[in-house]
């Protein structure tokens, strides 16, 4: 539960909370598929809390993101079904390289200005974007929030707080969709997931409000730092150990 609180706080600011909770579940001796399903349950608490917080502050407009939402839902459902049959070893080894590249791009890319709008991208583009990241969240999950944040910064050129609001909302959609699918497949430890979800939700609330108070520049810096640290940890775990 303590690990879940820390994960919720970090996930609200930068994404990647699953990179903390999933290893913790596996370390506790919980089988991989059950760990993924239980993590979706606890993560749904946190992503919902973050999404609601940003929405209430006027940082997310649902009408602009219908296509992305549908694509994310379809992708998460498909990805979760595939996760039952796919060997995750390759994904585990590729994940550090992907996250490091994401962090480097975010570091060197030009920050978006507040007057740039998300609706410059077509509905089809949003749908494909959501389908890909929703599919990844269903298959594996860790780092999805960070991928949403970094890719949305690039494609939609919004300010950081609005990008975070989008990332947390899409992450909630894929989390809840994947959770329902995992539950139907019998891969959720409900008691443990709810216990972790309660503290993860508190961490997400604290993280969301901290992000709003710190503003775009500091959130961007923290995002880059956390993503680099997470990627180095993954590289050590999957490439060296």
C-alpha atoms as a PDB file:
ATOM      1  CA  UNK A   1       0.000   0.000   0.000  1.00  0.00           C
ATOM      2  CA  UNK A   2       2.930   2.349   0.696  1.00  0.00           C
ATOM      3  CA  UNK A   3       4.426   1.528  -2.699  1.00  0.00           C
ATOM      4  CA  UNK A   4       1.031   2.238  -4.273  1.00  0.00           C
ATOM      5  CA  UNK A   5       0.901   5.708  -2.677  1.00  0.00           C
ATOM      6  CA  UNK A   6       4.312   6.598  -4.118  1.00  0.00           C
ATOM      7  CA  UNK A   7       3.307   5.173  -7.500  1.00  0.00           C
ATOM      8  CA  UNK A   8       0.083   7.213  -7.531  1.00  0.00           C
ATOM      9  CA  UNK A   9       1.935  10.428  -6.751  1.00  0.00           C
ATOM     10  CA  UNK A  10       4.535   9.846  -9.469  1.00  0.00           C
ATOM     11  CA  UNK A  11       1.963   8.642 -11.998  1.00  0.00           C
ATOM     12  CA  UNK A  12      -0.121  11.816 -11.603  1.00  0.00           C
ATOM     13  CA  UNK A  13       2.906  13.963 -12.456  1.00  0.00           C
ATOM     14  CA  UNK A  14       4.827  11.920 -15.003  1.00  0.00           C
ATOM     15  CA  UNK A  15       3.119   8.605 -15.642  1.00  0.00           C
ATOM     16  CA  UNK A  16       4.821   5.267 -15.179  1.00  0.00           C
ATOM     17  CA  UNK A  17       3.325   4.304 -11.825  1.00  0.00           C
ATOM     18  CA  UNK A  18       2.987   0.735 -13.062  1.00  0.00           C
ATOM     19  CA  UNK A  19       6.774   0.563 -13.315  1.00  0.00           C
ATOM     20  CA  UNK A  20       6.741   0.694  -9.510  1.00  0.00           C
ATOM     21  CA  UNK A  21       3.664  -1.356  -8.595  1.00  0.00           C
ATOM     22  CA  UNK A  22       4.104  -4.278 -11.005  1.00  0.00           C
ATOM     23  CA  UNK A  23       7.648  -5.146  -9.811  1.00  0.00           C
ATOM     24  CA  UNK A  24       6.358  -4.871  -6.229  1.00  0.00           C
ATOM     25  CA  UNK A  25       3.564  -7.346  -6.965  1.00  0.00           C
ATOM     26  CA  UNK A  26       5.934  -9.753  -8.709  1.00  0.00           C
ATOM     27  CA  UNK A  27       8.405  -9.488  -5.821  1.00  0.00           C
ATOM     28  CA  UNK A  28       5.590 -10.474  -3.443  1.00  0.00           C
ATOM     29  CA  UNK A  29       5.300 -13.755  -5.363  1.00  0.00           C
ATOM     30  CA  UNK A  30       2.094 -12.998  -7.287  1.00  0.00           C
ATOM     31  CA  UNK A  31       1.961 -14.710 -10.738  1.00  0.00           C
ATOM     32  CA  UNK A  32       2.562 -12.407 -13.751  1.00  0.00           C
ATOM     33  CA  UNK A  33      -0.956 -12.400 -15.220  1.00  0.00           C
ATOM     34  CA  UNK A  34      -2.522 -11.929 -11.797  1.00  0.00           C
ATOM     35  CA  UNK A  35      -0.041  -9.100 -11.121  1.00  0.00           C
ATOM     36  CA  UNK A  36      -1.064  -7.340 -14.350  1.00  0.00           C
ATOM     37  CA  UNK A  37      -4.776  -7.650 -13.599  1.00  0.00           C
ATOM     38  CA  UNK A  38      -4.437  -6.566  -9.975  1.00  0.00           C
ATOM     39  CA  UNK A  39      -2.294  -3.628 -11.039  1.00  0.00           C
ATOM     40  CA  UNK A  40      -5.055  -2.523 -13.429  1.00  0.00           C
ATOM     41  CA  UNK A  41      -7.495  -2.485 -10.523  1.00  0.00           C
ATOM     42  CA  UNK A  42      -5.298  -0.339  -8.286  1.00  0.00           C
ATOM     43  CA  UNK A  43      -4.205   1.885 -11.193  1.00  0.00           C
ATOM     44  CA  UNK A  44      -7.826   2.603 -12.116  1.00  0.00           C
ATOM     45  CA  UNK A  45      -8.299   4.286  -8.736  1.00  0.00           C
ATOM     46  CA  UNK A  46      -5.320   6.564  -9.310  1.00  0.00           C
ATOM     47  CA  UNK A  47      -5.951   7.447 -12.941  1.00  0.00           C
ATOM     48  CA  UNK A  48      -9.598   8.256 -12.189  1.00  0.00           C
ATOM     49  CA  UNK A  49      -8.595  10.549  -9.327  1.00  0.00           C
ATOM     50  CA  UNK A  50      -6.053  12.372 -11.502  1.00  0.00           C
ATOM     51  CA  UNK A  51      -8.425  12.659 -14.468  1.00  0.00           C
ATOM     52  CA  UNK A  52     -11.239  14.090 -12.330  1.00  0.00           C
ATOM     53  CA  UNK A  53      -8.853  16.571 -10.674  1.00  0.00           C
ATOM     54  CA  UNK A  54      -7.610  17.914 -14.016  1.00  0.00           C
ATOM     55  CA  UNK A  55     -11.137  17.986 -15.474  1.00  0.00           C
ATOM     56  CA  UNK A  56     -12.498  19.996 -12.554  1.00  0.00           C
ATOM     57  CA  UNK A  57      -9.707  22.531 -13.113  1.00  0.00           C
ATOM     58  CA  UNK A  58     -10.844  22.986 -16.720  1.00  0.00           C
ATOM     59  CA  UNK A  59      -7.744  21.385 -18.220  1.00  0.00           C
ATOM     60  CA  UNK A  60      -9.513  18.658 -20.217  1.00  0.00           C
ATOM     61  CA  UNK A  61     -12.321  18.995 -22.791  1.00  0.00           C
ATOM     62  CA  UNK A  62     -13.945  15.585 -23.512  1.00  0.00           C
ATOM     63  CA  UNK A  63     -15.565  16.729 -26.756  1.00  0.00           C
ATOM     64  CA  UNK A  64     -12.134  17.191 -28.375  1.00  0.00           C
ATOM     65  CA  UNK A  65     -11.024  13.650 -27.615  1.00  0.00           C
ATOM     66  CA  UNK A  66     -13.885  11.313 -28.565  1.00  0.00           C
ATOM     67  CA  UNK A  67     -11.881   9.551 -31.278  1.00  0.00           C
ATOM     68  CA  UNK A  68      -8.871   9.064 -28.993  1.00  0.00           C
ATOM     69  CA  UNK A  69     -11.139   7.635 -26.293  1.00  0.00           C
ATOM     70  CA  UNK A  70     -12.719   5.082 -28.648  1.00  0.00           C
ATOM     71  CA  UNK A  71      -9.343   4.046 -30.053  1.00  0.00           C
ATOM     72  CA  UNK A  72      -7.937   3.640 -26.544  1.00  0.00           C
ATOM     73  CA  UNK A  73     -10.880   1.488 -25.468  1.00  0.00           C
ATOM     74  CA  UNK A  74     -10.590  -0.832 -28.481  1.00  0.00           C
ATOM     75  CA  UNK A  75      -6.814  -1.033 -28.183  1.00  0.00           C
ATOM     76  CA  UNK A  76      -6.879  -1.850 -24.459  1.00  0.00           C
ATOM     77  CA  UNK A  77      -9.433  -4.629 -24.942  1.00  0.00           C
ATOM     78  CA  UNK A  78      -7.472  -6.201 -27.786  1.00  0.00           C
ATOM     79  CA  UNK A  79      -4.134  -5.834 -26.016  1.00  0.00           C
ATOM     80  CA  UNK A  80      -5.373  -7.464 -22.820  1.00  0.00           C
ATOM     81  CA  UNK A  81      -6.615 -10.510 -24.730  1.00  0.00           C
ATOM     82  CA  UNK A  82      -3.265 -10.754 -26.527  1.00  0.00           C
ATOM     83  CA  UNK A  83      -1.439 -10.534 -23.164  1.00  0.00           C
ATOM     84  CA  UNK A  84      -2.831 -13.960 -22.294  1.00  0.00           C
ATOM     85  CA  UNK A  85      -0.829 -15.557 -25.096  1.00  0.00           C
ATOM     86  CA  UNK A  86       2.133 -13.230 -25.753  1.00  0.00           C
ATOM     87  CA  UNK A  87       5.580 -13.822 -24.265  1.00  0.00           C
ATOM     88  CA  UNK A  88       6.376 -10.553 -22.490  1.00  0.00           C
ATOM     89  CA  UNK A  89      10.149 -11.141 -22.373  1.00  0.00           C
ATOM     90  CA  UNK A  90      10.822  -9.171 -25.561  1.00  0.00           C
ATOM     91  CA  UNK A  91       8.618  -6.306 -24.374  1.00  0.00           C
ATOM     92  CA  UNK A  92      10.436  -6.216 -21.040  1.00  0.00           C
ATOM     93  CA  UNK A  93      13.798  -5.913 -22.773  1.00  0.00           C
ATOM     94  CA  UNK A  94      12.603  -3.324 -25.308  1.00  0.00           C
ATOM     95  CA  UNK A  95      10.829  -1.131 -22.755  1.00  0.00           C
ATOM     96  CA  UNK A  96      13.942   0.573 -21.290  1.00  0.00           C
ATOM     97  CA  UNK A  97      15.177   1.614 -24.733  1.00  0.00           C
ATOM     98  CA  UNK A  98      11.760   2.999 -25.674  1.00  0.00           C
ATOM     99  CA  UNK A  99      11.446   5.004 -22.469  1.00  0.00           C
ATOM    100  CA  UNK A 100      14.998   6.365 -22.702  1.00  0.00           C
ATOM    101  CA  UNK A 101      14.306   7.531 -26.264  1.00  0.00           C
ATOM    102  CA  UNK A 102      11.067   9.137 -25.057  1.00  0.00           C
ATOM    103  CA  UNK A 103      12.900  10.974 -22.282  1.00  0.00           C
ATOM    104  CA  UNK A 104      15.629  12.218 -24.643  1.00  0.00           C
ATOM    105  CA  UNK A 105      13.074  13.487 -27.148  1.00  0.00           C
ATOM    106  CA  UNK A 106      11.133  15.292 -24.423  1.00  0.00           C
ATOM    107  CA  UNK A 107      14.350  16.861 -23.152  1.00  0.00           C
ATOM    108  CA  UNK A 108      15.365  18.324 -26.529  1.00  0.00           C
ATOM    109  CA  UNK A 109      11.902  19.133 -27.919  1.00  0.00           C
ATOM    110  CA  UNK A 110      10.494  22.650 -27.856  1.00  0.00           C
ATOM    111  CA  UNK A 111       7.875  23.177 -25.132  1.00  0.00           C
ATOM    112  CA  UNK A 112       4.409  23.915 -26.484  1.00  0.00           C
ATOM    113  CA  UNK A 113       2.947  27.377 -26.065  1.00  0.00           C
ATOM    114  CA  UNK A 114      -0.435  27.878 -24.390  1.00  0.00           C
ATOM    115  CA  UNK A 115      -2.213  29.100 -27.512  1.00  0.00           C
ATOM    116  CA  UNK A 116      -1.588  25.932 -29.546  1.00  0.00           C
ATOM    117  CA  UNK A 117      -4.681  23.758 -29.845  1.00  0.00           C
ATOM    118  CA  UNK A 118      -5.264  19.997 -29.832  1.00  0.00           C
ATOM    119  CA  UNK A 119      -7.906  19.995 -32.558  1.00  0.00           C
ATOM    120  CA  UNK A 120      -5.296  20.433 -35.298  1.00  0.00           C
ATOM    121  CA  UNK A 121      -5.117  16.638 -35.515  1.00  0.00           C
ATOM    122  CA  UNK A 122      -7.870  14.702 -37.250  1.00  0.00           C
ATOM    123  CA  UNK A 123     -10.184  12.256 -35.569  1.00  0.00           C
ATOM    124  CA  UNK A 124      -8.510   9.403 -37.464  1.00  0.00           C
ATOM    125  CA  UNK A 125      -5.100  10.390 -36.110  1.00  0.00           C
ATOM    126  CA  UNK A 126      -6.453  10.504 -32.558  1.00  0.00           C
ATOM    127  CA  UNK A 127      -8.096   7.115 -33.059  1.00  0.00           C
ATOM    128  CA  UNK A 128      -4.864   5.473 -34.236  1.00  0.00           C
ATOM    129  CA  UNK A 129      -2.911   7.169 -31.447  1.00  0.00           C
ATOM    130  CA  UNK A 130      -5.345   5.849 -28.842  1.00  0.00           C
ATOM    131  CA  UNK A 131      -5.440   2.389 -30.455  1.00  0.00           C
ATOM    132  CA  UNK A 132      -1.656   1.994 -30.292  1.00  0.00           C
ATOM    133  CA  UNK A 133      -1.172   3.234 -26.725  1.00  0.00           C
ATOM    134  CA  UNK A 134      -4.328   1.517 -25.478  1.00  0.00           C
ATOM    135  CA  UNK A 135      -3.070  -1.709 -27.051  1.00  0.00           C
ATOM    136  CA  UNK A 136       0.281  -1.346 -25.330  1.00  0.00           C
ATOM    137  CA  UNK A 137      -1.418  -0.699 -21.988  1.00  0.00           C
ATOM    138  CA  UNK A 138      -3.431  -3.879 -22.441  1.00  0.00           C
ATOM    139  CA  UNK A 139      -0.432  -6.019 -23.393  1.00  0.00           C
ATOM    140  CA  UNK A 140       2.048  -4.708 -20.805  1.00  0.00           C
ATOM    141  CA  UNK A 141       1.113  -1.367 -19.243  1.00  0.00           C
ATOM    142  CA  UNK A 142       4.171   0.065 -17.460  1.00  0.00           C
ATOM    143  CA  UNK A 143       5.121   3.472 -18.850  1.00  0.00           C
ATOM    144  CA  UNK A 144       1.823   4.066 -20.674  1.00  0.00           C
ATOM    145  CA  UNK A 145       1.211   7.354 -18.882  1.00  0.00           C
ATOM    146  CA  UNK A 146       4.707   8.542 -19.758  1.00  0.00           C
ATOM    147  CA  UNK A 147       4.200   7.516 -23.400  1.00  0.00           C
ATOM    148  CA  UNK A 148       0.910   9.424 -23.524  1.00  0.00           C
ATOM    149  CA  UNK A 149       2.535  12.518 -22.041  1.00  0.00           C
ATOM    150  CA  UNK A 150       5.564  12.516 -24.322  1.00  0.00           C
ATOM    151  CA  UNK A 151       3.684  11.672 -27.531  1.00  0.00           C
ATOM    152  CA  UNK A 152       0.898  14.188 -26.837  1.00  0.00           C
ATOM    153  CA  UNK A 153       3.501  16.904 -26.255  1.00  0.00           C
ATOM    154  CA  UNK A 154       4.889  16.157 -29.693  1.00  0.00           C
ATOM    155  CA  UNK A 155       1.735  15.619 -31.725  1.00  0.00           C
ATOM    156  CA  UNK A 156      -0.729  18.055 -30.168  1.00  0.00           C
ATOM    157  CA  UNK A 157       1.629  20.812 -28.971  1.00  0.00           C
ATOM    158  CA  UNK A 158      -0.371  21.641 -25.866  1.00  0.00           C
ATOM    159  CA  UNK A 159       0.933  23.115 -22.648  1.00  0.00           C
ATOM    160  CA  UNK A 160       2.167  20.601 -20.115  1.00  0.00           C
ATOM    161  CA  UNK A 161      -0.793  20.642 -17.714  1.00  0.00           C
ATOM    162  CA  UNK A 162      -3.321  20.086 -20.515  1.00  0.00           C
ATOM    163  CA  UNK A 163      -1.103  17.289 -21.838  1.00  0.00           C
ATOM    164  CA  UNK A 164      -1.083  15.671 -18.399  1.00  0.00           C
ATOM    165  CA  UNK A 165      -4.867  15.964 -18.227  1.00  0.00           C
ATOM    166  CA  UNK A 166      -5.180  14.170 -21.575  1.00  0.00           C
ATOM    167  CA  UNK A 167      -2.664  11.489 -20.584  1.00  0.00           C
ATOM    168  CA  UNK A 168      -4.348  10.747 -17.245  1.00  0.00           C
ATOM    169  CA  UNK A 169      -7.809  10.553 -18.836  1.00  0.00           C
ATOM    170  CA  UNK A 170      -6.729   8.210 -21.639  1.00  0.00           C
ATOM    171  CA  UNK A 171      -4.782   6.158 -19.102  1.00  0.00           C
ATOM    172  CA  UNK A 172      -7.941   5.759 -17.028  1.00  0.00           C
ATOM    173  CA  UNK A 173      -9.907   4.588 -20.072  1.00  0.00           C
ATOM    174  CA  UNK A 174      -7.311   1.942 -20.916  1.00  0.00           C
ATOM    175  CA  UNK A 175      -6.955   0.935 -17.253  1.00  0.00           C
ATOM    176  CA  UNK A 176     -10.666   0.378 -16.656  1.00  0.00           C
ATOM    177  CA  UNK A 177     -11.111  -1.381 -20.005  1.00  0.00           C
ATOM    178  CA  UNK A 178      -8.175  -3.687 -19.370  1.00  0.00           C
ATOM    179  CA  UNK A 179      -9.404  -4.308 -15.814  1.00  0.00           C
ATOM    180  CA  UNK A 180     -12.809  -5.496 -17.029  1.00  0.00           C
ATOM    181  CA  UNK A 181     -11.137  -7.806 -19.540  1.00  0.00           C
ATOM    182  CA  UNK A 182      -8.688  -9.207 -16.982  1.00  0.00           C
ATOM    183  CA  UNK A 183     -11.571  -9.721 -14.537  1.00  0.00           C
ATOM    184  CA  UNK A 184     -13.502 -11.724 -17.113  1.00  0.00           C
ATOM    185  CA  UNK A 185     -10.374 -13.840 -17.623  1.00  0.00           C
ATOM    186  CA  UNK A 186     -10.036 -14.378 -13.847  1.00  0.00           C
ATOM    187  CA  UNK A 187      -6.765 -12.484 -13.378  1.00  0.00           C
ATOM    188  CA  UNK A 188      -7.614 -10.002 -10.580  1.00  0.00           C
ATOM    189  CA  UNK A 189      -6.873 -10.278  -6.817  1.00  0.00           C
ATOM    190  CA  UNK A 190      -9.707  -8.015  -5.684  1.00  0.00           C
ATOM    191  CA  UNK A 191      -8.823  -7.546  -2.013  1.00  0.00           C
ATOM    192  CA  UNK A 192      -5.209  -6.657  -2.683  1.00  0.00           C
ATOM    193  CA  UNK A 193      -6.098  -4.439  -5.652  1.00  0.00           C
ATOM    194  CA  UNK A 194      -8.666  -2.431  -3.667  1.00  0.00           C
ATOM    195  CA  UNK A 195      -6.264  -2.017  -0.729  1.00  0.00           C
ATOM    196  CA  UNK A 196      -3.530  -0.733  -3.037  1.00  0.00           C
ATOM    197  CA  UNK A 197      -6.027   1.373  -4.956  1.00  0.00           C
ATOM    198  CA  UNK A 198      -7.068   3.267  -1.822  1.00  0.00           C
ATOM    199  CA  UNK A 199      -3.555   4.544  -1.127  1.00  0.00           C
ATOM    200  CA  UNK A 200      -2.743   4.964  -4.812  1.00  0.00           C
ATOM    201  CA  UNK A 201      -5.811   7.206  -5.111  1.00  0.00           C
ATOM    202  CA  UNK A 202      -4.526   9.378  -2.257  1.00  0.00           C
ATOM    203  CA  UNK A 203      -1.116   9.583  -3.908  1.00  0.00           C
ATOM    204  CA  UNK A 204      -2.702  10.538  -7.233  1.00  0.00           C
ATOM    205  CA  UNK A 205      -4.722  13.302  -5.567  1.00  0.00           C
ATOM    206  CA  UNK A 206      -1.577  14.720  -3.954  1.00  0.00           C
ATOM    207  CA  UNK A 207       0.386  14.414  -7.198  1.00  0.00           C
ATOM    208  CA  UNK A 208      -2.278  16.072  -9.350  1.00  0.00           C
ATOM    209  CA  UNK A 209      -2.592  19.069  -7.028  1.00  0.00           C
ATOM    210  CA  UNK A 210       1.187  19.341  -6.753  1.00  0.00           C
ATOM    211  CA  UNK A 211       1.486  19.377 -10.557  1.00  0.00           C
ATOM    212  CA  UNK A 212      -1.110  22.144 -10.852  1.00  0.00           C
ATOM    213  CA  UNK A 213       0.619  24.257  -8.198  1.00  0.00           C
ATOM    214  CA  UNK A 214       4.118  23.796  -9.641  1.00  0.00           C
ATOM    215  CA  UNK A 215       3.132  24.839 -13.175  1.00  0.00           C
ATOM    216  CA  UNK A 216       4.263  23.707 -16.613  1.00  0.00           C
ATOM    217  CA  UNK A 217       8.029  24.235 -16.408  1.00  0.00           C
ATOM    218  CA  UNK A 218       8.644  22.339 -13.171  1.00  0.00           C
ATOM    219  CA  UNK A 219       6.303  19.527 -14.135  1.00  0.00           C
ATOM    220  CA  UNK A 220       8.174  19.125 -17.415  1.00  0.00           C
ATOM    221  CA  UNK A 221      11.511  18.926 -15.590  1.00  0.00           C
ATOM    222  CA  UNK A 222      10.209  16.404 -13.070  1.00  0.00           C
ATOM    223  CA  UNK A 223       8.668  14.351 -15.871  1.00  0.00           C
ATOM    224  CA  UNK A 224      12.013  14.109 -17.677  1.00  0.00           C
ATOM    225  CA  UNK A 225      13.909  13.256 -14.486  1.00  0.00           C
ATOM    226  CA  UNK A 226      11.478  10.547 -13.408  1.00  0.00           C
ATOM    227  CA  UNK A 227      11.309   8.960 -16.846  1.00  0.00           C
ATOM    228  CA  UNK A 228      15.110   8.771 -17.023  1.00  0.00           C
ATOM    229  CA  UNK A 229      15.330   7.218 -13.540  1.00  0.00           C
ATOM    230  CA  UNK A 230      12.603   4.692 -14.382  1.00  0.00           C
ATOM    231  CA  UNK A 231      14.277   3.746 -17.654  1.00  0.00           C
ATOM    232  CA  UNK A 232      17.666   3.251 -15.965  1.00  0.00           C
ATOM    233  CA  UNK A 233      16.048   0.984 -13.386  1.00  0.00           C
ATOM    234  CA  UNK A 234      14.414  -1.066 -16.132  1.00  0.00           C
ATOM    235  CA  UNK A 235      17.649  -1.283 -18.090  1.00  0.00           C
ATOM    236  CA  UNK A 236      19.427  -2.608 -14.988  1.00  0.00           C
ATOM    237  CA  UNK A 237      16.659  -5.119 -14.297  1.00  0.00           C
ATOM    238  CA  UNK A 238      16.241  -6.515 -17.824  1.00  0.00           C
ATOM    239  CA  UNK A 239      19.627  -5.992 -19.491  1.00  0.00           C
ATOM    240  CA  UNK A 240      22.143  -6.566 -16.687  1.00  0.00           C
ATOM    241  CA  UNK A 241      20.598  -8.738 -13.977  1.00  0.00           C
END
